[in-house]
C-alpha atoms as a PDB file:
ATOM      1  CA  MET A   1      22.758 -21.885  76.372  1.00  0.00           C
ATOM      2  CA  GLY A   2      20.723 -23.053  73.181  1.00  0.00           C
ATOM      3  CA  ILE A   3      19.097 -26.201  72.851  1.00  0.00           C
ATOM      4  CA  LYS A   4      21.678 -26.875  69.782  1.00  0.00           C
ATOM      5  CA  ASP A   5      24.597 -26.175  71.818  1.00  0.00           C
ATOM      6  CA  LYS A   6      23.376 -28.638  74.709  1.00  0.00           C
ATOM      7  CA  PHE A   7      22.564 -31.446  72.350  1.00  0.00           C
ATOM      8  CA  GLU A   8      25.916 -30.838  70.957  1.00  0.00           C
ATOM      9  CA  ASN A   9      27.686 -30.840  74.031  1.00  0.00           C
ATOM     10  CA  LYS A  10      26.139 -33.671  75.647  1.00  0.00           C
ATOM     11  CA  ALA A  11      26.920 -35.485  72.629  1.00  0.00           C
ATOM     12  CA  GLU A  12      30.518 -34.633  72.669  1.00  0.00           C
ATOM     13  CA  GLU A  13      30.594 -36.090  76.670  1.00  0.00           C
ATOM     14  CA  LEU A  14      28.544 -39.052  75.607  1.00  0.00           C
ATOM     15  CA  LYS A  15      31.106 -39.516  72.789  1.00  0.00           C
ATOM     16  CA  GLY A  16      34.032 -38.963  75.219  1.00  0.00           C
ATOM     17  CA  ARG A  17      32.843 -41.424  77.711  1.00  0.00           C
ATOM     18  CA  ALA A  18      32.240 -43.950  74.668  1.00  0.00           C
ATOM     19  CA  LYS A  19      35.839 -43.758  73.677  1.00  0.00           C
ATOM     20  CA  GLU A  20      37.099 -43.646  77.005  1.00  0.00           C
ATOM     21  CA  SER A  21      35.375 -46.967  78.011  1.00  0.00           C
ATOM     22  CA  ALA A  22      36.436 -48.569  74.580  1.00  0.00           C
ATOM     23  CA  GLY A  23      39.956 -47.652  75.400  1.00  0.00           C
ATOM     24  CA  ALA A  24      39.934 -49.154  79.057  1.00  0.00           C
ATOM     25  CA  ALA A  25      38.410 -52.096  77.623  1.00  0.00           C
ATOM     26  CA  THR A  26      40.804 -52.666  75.033  1.00  0.00           C
ATOM     27  CA  GLY A  27      43.880 -51.470  76.186  1.00  0.00           C
ATOM     28  CA  ASP A  28      44.160 -48.583  74.176  1.00  0.00           C
ATOM     29  CA  ALA A  29      45.427 -45.684  76.378  1.00  0.00           C
ATOM     30  CA  ASP A  30      45.315 -43.262  73.344  1.00  0.00           C
ATOM     31  CA  LEU A  31      41.892 -43.900  72.697  1.00  0.00           C
ATOM     32  CA  GLU A  32      41.183 -43.836  76.240  1.00  0.00           C
ATOM     33  CA  ASN A  33      43.024 -40.203  76.608  1.00  0.00           C
ATOM     34  CA  GLU A  34      40.911 -38.915  73.697  1.00  0.00           C
ATOM     35  CA  GLY A  35      37.935 -39.808  75.392  1.00  0.00           C
ATOM     36  CA  LYS A  36      38.829 -37.904  78.379  1.00  0.00           C
ATOM     37  CA  ALA A  37      39.551 -35.162  76.554  1.00  0.00           C
ATOM     38  CA  ASP A  38      36.314 -35.109  74.569  1.00  0.00           C
ATOM     39  CA  GLN A  39      34.768 -34.865  77.886  1.00  0.00           C
ATOM     40  CA  VAL A  40      36.902 -32.265  79.299  1.00  0.00           C
ATOM     41  CA  SER A  41      36.419 -29.908  76.208  1.00  0.00           C
ATOM     42  CA  SER A  42      32.462 -30.624  76.650  1.00  0.00           C
ATOM     43  CA  GLY A  43      32.562 -29.666  80.384  1.00  0.00           C
ATOM     44  CA  VAL A  44      34.721 -26.572  79.208  1.00  0.00           C
ATOM     45  CA  LYS A  45      32.040 -25.617  76.561  1.00  0.00           C
ATOM     46  CA  LYS A  46      29.308 -25.980  79.094  1.00  0.00           C
ATOM     47  CA  ALA A  47      30.873 -24.087  81.432  1.00  0.00           C
ATOM     48  CA  ALA A  48      31.485 -21.016  79.082  1.00  0.00           C
ATOM     49  CA  GLU A  49      27.868 -21.093  78.069  1.00  0.00           C
ATOM     50  CA  THR A  50      26.764 -20.744  81.580  1.00  0.00           C
ATOM     51  CA  VAL A  51      28.735 -17.731  82.003  1.00  0.00           C
ATOM     52  CA  LYS A  52      27.305 -16.265  78.900  1.00  0.00           C
ATOM     53  CA  ASP A  53      23.846 -16.909  80.243  1.00  0.00           C
ATOM     54  CA  LYS A  54      24.488 -15.600  83.628  1.00  0.00           C
ATOM     55  CA  ALA A  55      25.932 -12.241  82.075  1.00  0.00           C
ATOM     56  CA  ASN A  56      23.033 -11.820  79.599  1.00  0.00           C
ATOM     57  CA  GLU A  57      20.772 -12.376  82.806  1.00  0.00           C
ATOM     58  CA  ILE A  58      22.588  -9.705  84.497  1.00  0.00           C
ATOM     59  CA  ALA A  59      22.717  -7.260  81.549  1.00  0.00           C
ATOM     60  CA  ALA A  60      18.914  -7.854  81.200  1.00  0.00           C
ATOM     61  CA  LYS A  61      18.342  -6.802  84.833  1.00  0.00           C
ATOM     62  CA  ILE A  62      20.514  -3.936  84.741  1.00  0.00           C
ATOM     63  CA  ALA A  63      18.795  -2.663  81.655  1.00  0.00           C
ATOM     64  CA  GLY A  64      15.204  -3.349  82.871  1.00  0.00           C
ATOM     65  CA  ASP A  65      14.424  -5.971  80.526  1.00  0.00           C
ATOM     66  CA  ASN A  66      13.551  -8.313  83.143  1.00  0.00           C
END
C-alpha cells in the first residue's frame, strides 16, 4: 500500500467519523449514515490493499526476489 493510498484512506475514515459525529449531534440520520458508509469504504480499501501487499510479498518470495 503506497503512502498516498494510506493517506487518502485515513482522510476518508476521518471524514466519515466527522460526518457521523455531526449527524449524531444534530439528529441528522442521513449524515450519520453517510459518515458510517465513508468509514466502511475506507476499511474495505485498506483491507484490499493489505491483501494486495501480501500477495506481492508471496510472489516475491516464490520468485526468489526476497
